[in-house]
Amino acid sequence: MAQGKLKLALRYYERALVIREQAGDPKALAATLHNMAMIYGQLGDAVRALTNYEQALIICQTVGAQDEIALILNGIGGIYSAQGKKEEAFDHYQQALDICEQGGKTGYIATCLDNIGTICTSRGELNEALKHHERALALYQGVGSPSDIAICLSNIASVHYLQGNLEQALGYQGQALALSQDVNDTFHTAYFMYGLGSLYYAQKNSGNH
């Protein structure tokens, strides 16, 4: 979404926030704060994103809205990850996963696992990363969107590349590309094409062709 549309959405959410504060509906108030946090995150305003996430989290904890707590913790983890604060990100993703596993929400569990796998990759814990991504993929294949599945496949490809398994990396990245093309996901198609090109280039230079 273009920045102009994000800022327009934010203005409407700010108006809704005032109304929901007056109405005294905590769940609706938390949902609005959560949506505002996600927009601030997309706009690159980490401070305001975290402020809104934390306000939403407090409300959800007060009313015991466990699913929403997990989503918010996952969002906070995403902000910390983007800032390069991998330990804080891991902690929040893990907290979210613990809640999701208690609630049995398969899609949420898969998202948390995939995010934890990405953090493990950044820390060089490649076997752990692969384990988390593969668990996420198995769950996504039951309930996930094609985009979720494709991103997870690409994450697995990245781990195999770092492990020196170029053939496996090419296979997973190729699956990710084919899936994104099938659903006309042009944004991720371009991303996966770039990744696949990089892998073929690495393969050529390694002499494995």
Protein backbone atom coordinates (compact mmCIF):
# COMPACT_ATOMS: atom_id res chain seq x y z
CA MET A 1 0.00 0.00 0.00
CA ALA A 2 1.35 3.43 -0.98
CA GLN A 3 2.36 5.74 1.84
CA GLY A 4 -0.43 8.17 0.99
CA LYS A 5 -3.06 5.46 1.45
CA LEU A 6 -1.43 4.27 4.66
CA LYS A 7 -1.53 7.78 6.10
CA LEU A 8 -5.17 8.16 5.03
CA ALA A 9 -6.03 4.88 6.75
CA LEU A 10 -4.21 6.08 9.83
CA ARG A 11 -6.31 9.26 9.98
CA TYR A 12 -9.50 7.20 9.89
CA TYR A 13 -8.21 4.88 12.59
CA GLU A 14 -7.36 7.89 14.75
CA ARG A 15 -10.96 9.08 14.45
CA ALA A 16 -12.24 5.59 15.22
CA LEU A 17 -9.95 5.46 18.24
CA VAL A 18 -11.64 8.49 19.81
CA ILE A 19 -15.10 6.99 19.24
CA ARG A 20 -14.11 3.63 20.66
CA GLU A 21 -12.53 5.22 23.71
CA GLN A 22 -15.80 7.04 24.37
CA ALA A 23 -17.83 3.88 23.80
CA GLY A 24 -15.80 1.95 26.35
CA ASP A 25 -15.35 -1.13 24.14
CA PRO A 26 -11.92 -2.51 25.10
CA LYS A 27 -11.67 -5.16 22.37
CA ALA A 28 -12.60 -2.70 19.64
CA LEU A 29 -10.17 -0.17 21.12
CA ALA A 30 -7.37 -2.75 21.17
CA ALA A 31 -8.12 -3.75 17.56
CA THR A 32 -7.85 -0.12 16.45
CA LEU A 33 -4.56 0.36 18.30
CA HIS A 34 -3.29 -2.87 16.74
CA ASN A 35 -4.19 -1.72 13.24
CA MET A 36 -2.52 1.64 13.85
CA ALA A 37 0.60 -0.14 15.10
CA MET A 38 0.78 -2.20 11.91
CA ILE A 39 0.49 0.93 9.77
CA TYR A 40 3.17 2.75 11.75
CA GLY A 41 5.35 -0.30 11.25
CA GLN A 42 4.83 -0.18 7.49
CA LEU A 43 5.63 3.54 7.54
CA GLY A 44 8.89 2.80 9.35
CA ASP A 45 7.88 4.58 12.57
CA ALA A 46 9.03 1.95 15.05
CA VAL A 47 8.52 4.13 18.12
CA ARG A 48 4.84 4.80 17.43
CA ALA A 49 4.32 1.23 16.27
CA LEU A 50 5.65 -0.15 19.54
CA THR A 51 3.67 2.39 21.58
CA ASN A 52 0.41 1.34 19.95
CA TYR A 53 1.25 -2.36 20.14
CA GLU A 54 2.02 -2.05 23.84
CA GLN A 55 -1.20 -0.15 24.55
CA ALA A 56 -3.18 -2.79 22.67
CA LEU A 57 -1.32 -5.55 24.52
CA ILE A 58 -2.20 -4.13 27.94
CA ILE A 59 -5.89 -3.96 27.02
CA CYS A 60 -5.92 -7.50 25.63
CA GLN A 61 -4.15 -8.85 28.69
CA THR A 62 -6.73 -7.14 30.89
CA VAL A 63 -9.68 -8.76 29.07
CA GLY A 64 -7.89 -12.08 28.47
CA ALA A 65 -8.02 -11.97 24.67
CA GLN A 66 -5.38 -14.64 24.05
CA ASP A 67 -5.51 -14.79 20.25
CA GLU A 68 -5.10 -11.05 20.02
CA ILE A 69 -2.25 -11.11 22.55
CA ALA A 70 -0.41 -13.61 20.35
CA LEU A 71 -0.90 -11.48 17.23
CA ILE A 72 0.33 -8.36 19.02
CA LEU A 73 3.39 -10.14 20.42
CA ASN A 74 4.15 -11.38 16.92
CA GLY A 75 3.83 -7.82 15.60
CA ILE A 76 6.16 -6.48 18.28
CA GLY A 77 8.62 -9.20 17.32
CA GLY A 78 8.46 -8.00 13.72
CA ILE A 79 9.32 -4.44 14.73
CA TYR A 80 12.28 -5.60 16.81
CA SER A 81 13.45 -7.85 13.98
CA ALA A 82 13.35 -4.94 11.52
CA GLN A 83 15.44 -2.93 13.98
CA GLY A 84 18.02 -5.71 14.14
CA LYS A 85 17.12 -6.51 17.76
CA LYS A 86 17.05 -10.24 17.16
CA GLU A 87 16.96 -11.39 20.78
CA GLU A 88 13.97 -9.18 21.61
CA ALA A 89 12.29 -10.37 18.41
CA PHE A 90 12.93 -14.03 19.28
CA ASP A 91 11.52 -13.60 22.79
CA HIS A 92 8.30 -12.05 21.52
CA TYR A 93 7.87 -14.61 18.74
CA GLN A 94 8.40 -17.40 21.28
CA GLN A 95 5.84 -15.90 23.66
CA ALA A 96 3.38 -15.67 20.77
CA LEU A 97 4.07 -19.28 19.79
CA ASP A 98 3.48 -20.52 23.33
CA ILE A 99 0.06 -18.84 23.40
CA CYS A 100 -0.86 -20.07 19.92
CA GLU A 101 0.05 -23.66 20.76
CA GLN A 102 -2.19 -23.50 23.81
CA GLY A 103 -5.04 -22.19 21.68
CA GLY A 104 -4.45 -24.58 18.80
CA LYS A 105 -4.72 -21.97 16.05
CA THR A 106 -2.78 -23.71 13.28
CA GLY A 107 -2.26 -20.67 11.06
CA TYR A 108 -0.99 -18.56 13.93
CA ILE A 109 1.36 -21.35 15.03
CA ALA A 110 2.80 -21.60 11.51
CA THR A 111 3.44 -17.85 11.35
CA CYS A 112 5.25 -17.87 14.68
CA LEU A 113 7.34 -20.89 13.70
CA ASP A 114 8.32 -19.29 10.39
CA ASN A 115 9.32 -16.06 12.13
CA ILE A 116 11.37 -17.92 14.74
CA GLY A 117 13.08 -19.82 11.93
CA THR A 118 14.11 -16.54 10.33
CA ILE A 119 15.64 -15.36 13.60
CA CYS A 120 17.48 -18.67 13.99
CA THR A 121 18.88 -18.20 10.48
CA SER A 122 20.16 -14.73 11.36
CA ARG A 123 21.87 -16.20 14.43
CA GLY A 124 23.53 -18.93 12.38
CA GLU A 125 21.45 -21.68 14.01
CA LEU A 126 20.67 -23.27 10.67
CA ASN A 127 19.48 -26.69 11.83
CA GLU A 128 17.06 -25.04 14.25
CA ALA A 129 15.96 -22.65 11.52
CA LEU A 130 15.24 -25.51 9.13
CA LYS A 131 13.30 -27.40 11.79
CA HIS A 132 11.06 -24.40 12.48
CA HIS A 133 10.51 -23.55 8.81
CA GLU A 134 9.68 -27.16 7.93
CA ARG A 135 7.14 -27.34 10.78
CA ALA A 136 5.65 -24.08 9.57
CA LEU A 137 5.44 -25.37 6.00
CA ALA A 138 3.63 -28.53 7.05
CA LEU A 139 1.03 -26.43 8.87
CA TYR A 140 0.74 -23.82 6.15
CA GLN A 141 0.05 -26.50 3.56
CA GLY A 142 -3.12 -27.28 5.49
CA VAL A 143 -4.38 -23.79 6.26
CA GLY A 144 -2.06 -21.16 4.82
CA SER A 145 -2.49 -18.85 1.87
CA PRO A 146 -0.34 -19.43 -1.24
CA SER A 147 1.73 -16.38 -0.27
CA ASP A 148 2.39 -17.80 3.21
CA ILE A 149 3.48 -21.11 1.72
CA ALA A 150 5.68 -19.45 -0.91
CA ILE A 151 7.45 -17.25 1.64
CA CYS A 152 8.08 -20.26 3.85
CA LEU A 153 9.47 -22.23 0.89
CA SER A 154 11.80 -19.34 0.11
CA ASN A 155 12.93 -19.20 3.74
CA ILE A 156 13.78 -22.91 3.57
CA ALA A 157 15.70 -22.25 0.36
CA SER A 158 17.75 -19.59 2.16
CA VAL A 159 18.71 -22.02 4.91
CA HIS A 160 19.76 -24.69 2.41
CA TYR A 161 21.85 -22.12 0.56
CA LEU A 162 23.65 -21.13 3.76
CA GLN A 163 24.26 -24.82 4.49
CA GLY A 164 25.84 -25.20 1.06
CA ASN A 165 22.99 -27.28 -0.35
CA LEU A 166 22.50 -25.43 -3.63
CA GLU A 167 20.38 -28.07 -5.34
CA GLN A 168 17.90 -28.14 -2.46
CA ALA A 169 17.90 -24.33 -2.32
CA LEU A 170 17.10 -24.13 -6.03
CA GLY A 171 14.28 -26.63 -5.65
CA TYR A 172 12.56 -24.78 -2.83
CA GLN A 173 13.07 -21.36 -4.39
CA GLY A 174 11.67 -22.68 -7.67
CA GLN A 175 8.57 -23.94 -5.85
CA ALA A 176 8.14 -20.56 -4.20
CA LEU A 177 8.36 -18.79 -7.55
CA ALA A 178 5.92 -21.15 -9.26
CA LEU A 179 3.39 -20.76 -6.48
CA SER A 180 3.56 -16.96 -6.49
CA GLN A 181 3.15 -16.94 -10.27
CA ASP A 182 0.12 -19.25 -10.02
CA VAL A 183 -1.73 -16.69 -7.88
CA ASN A 184 -0.42 -13.60 -9.76
CA ASP A 185 1.46 -12.33 -6.71
CA THR A 186 3.65 -9.93 -8.67
CA PHE A 187 5.44 -8.48 -5.65
CA HIS A 188 6.72 -11.81 -4.38
CA THR A 189 7.21 -13.18 -7.90
CA ALA A 190 9.82 -10.47 -8.53
CA TYR A 191 11.46 -11.18 -5.16
CA PHE A 192 11.61 -14.95 -5.78
CA MET A 193 12.90 -14.45 -9.34
CA TYR A 194 15.76 -12.39 -7.95
CA GLY A 195 16.49 -15.07 -5.37
CA LEU A 196 16.42 -17.83 -7.96
CA GLY A 197 18.75 -15.86 -10.22
CA SER A 198 21.16 -15.38 -7.34
CA LEU A 199 21.14 -19.10 -6.60
CA TYR A 200 21.84 -20.03 -10.22
CA TYR A 201 24.68 -17.51 -10.25
CA ALA A 202 26.10 -19.05 -7.07
CA GLN A 203 25.76 -22.51 -8.60
CA LYS A 204 27.61 -21.42 -11.74
CA ASN A 205 30.47 -19.96 -9.71
CA SER A 206 30.68 -23.05 -7.53
CA GLY A 207 31.10 -25.30 -10.55
CA ASN A 208 28.05 -27.40 -9.62
CA HIS A 209 26.26 -27.30 -12.95
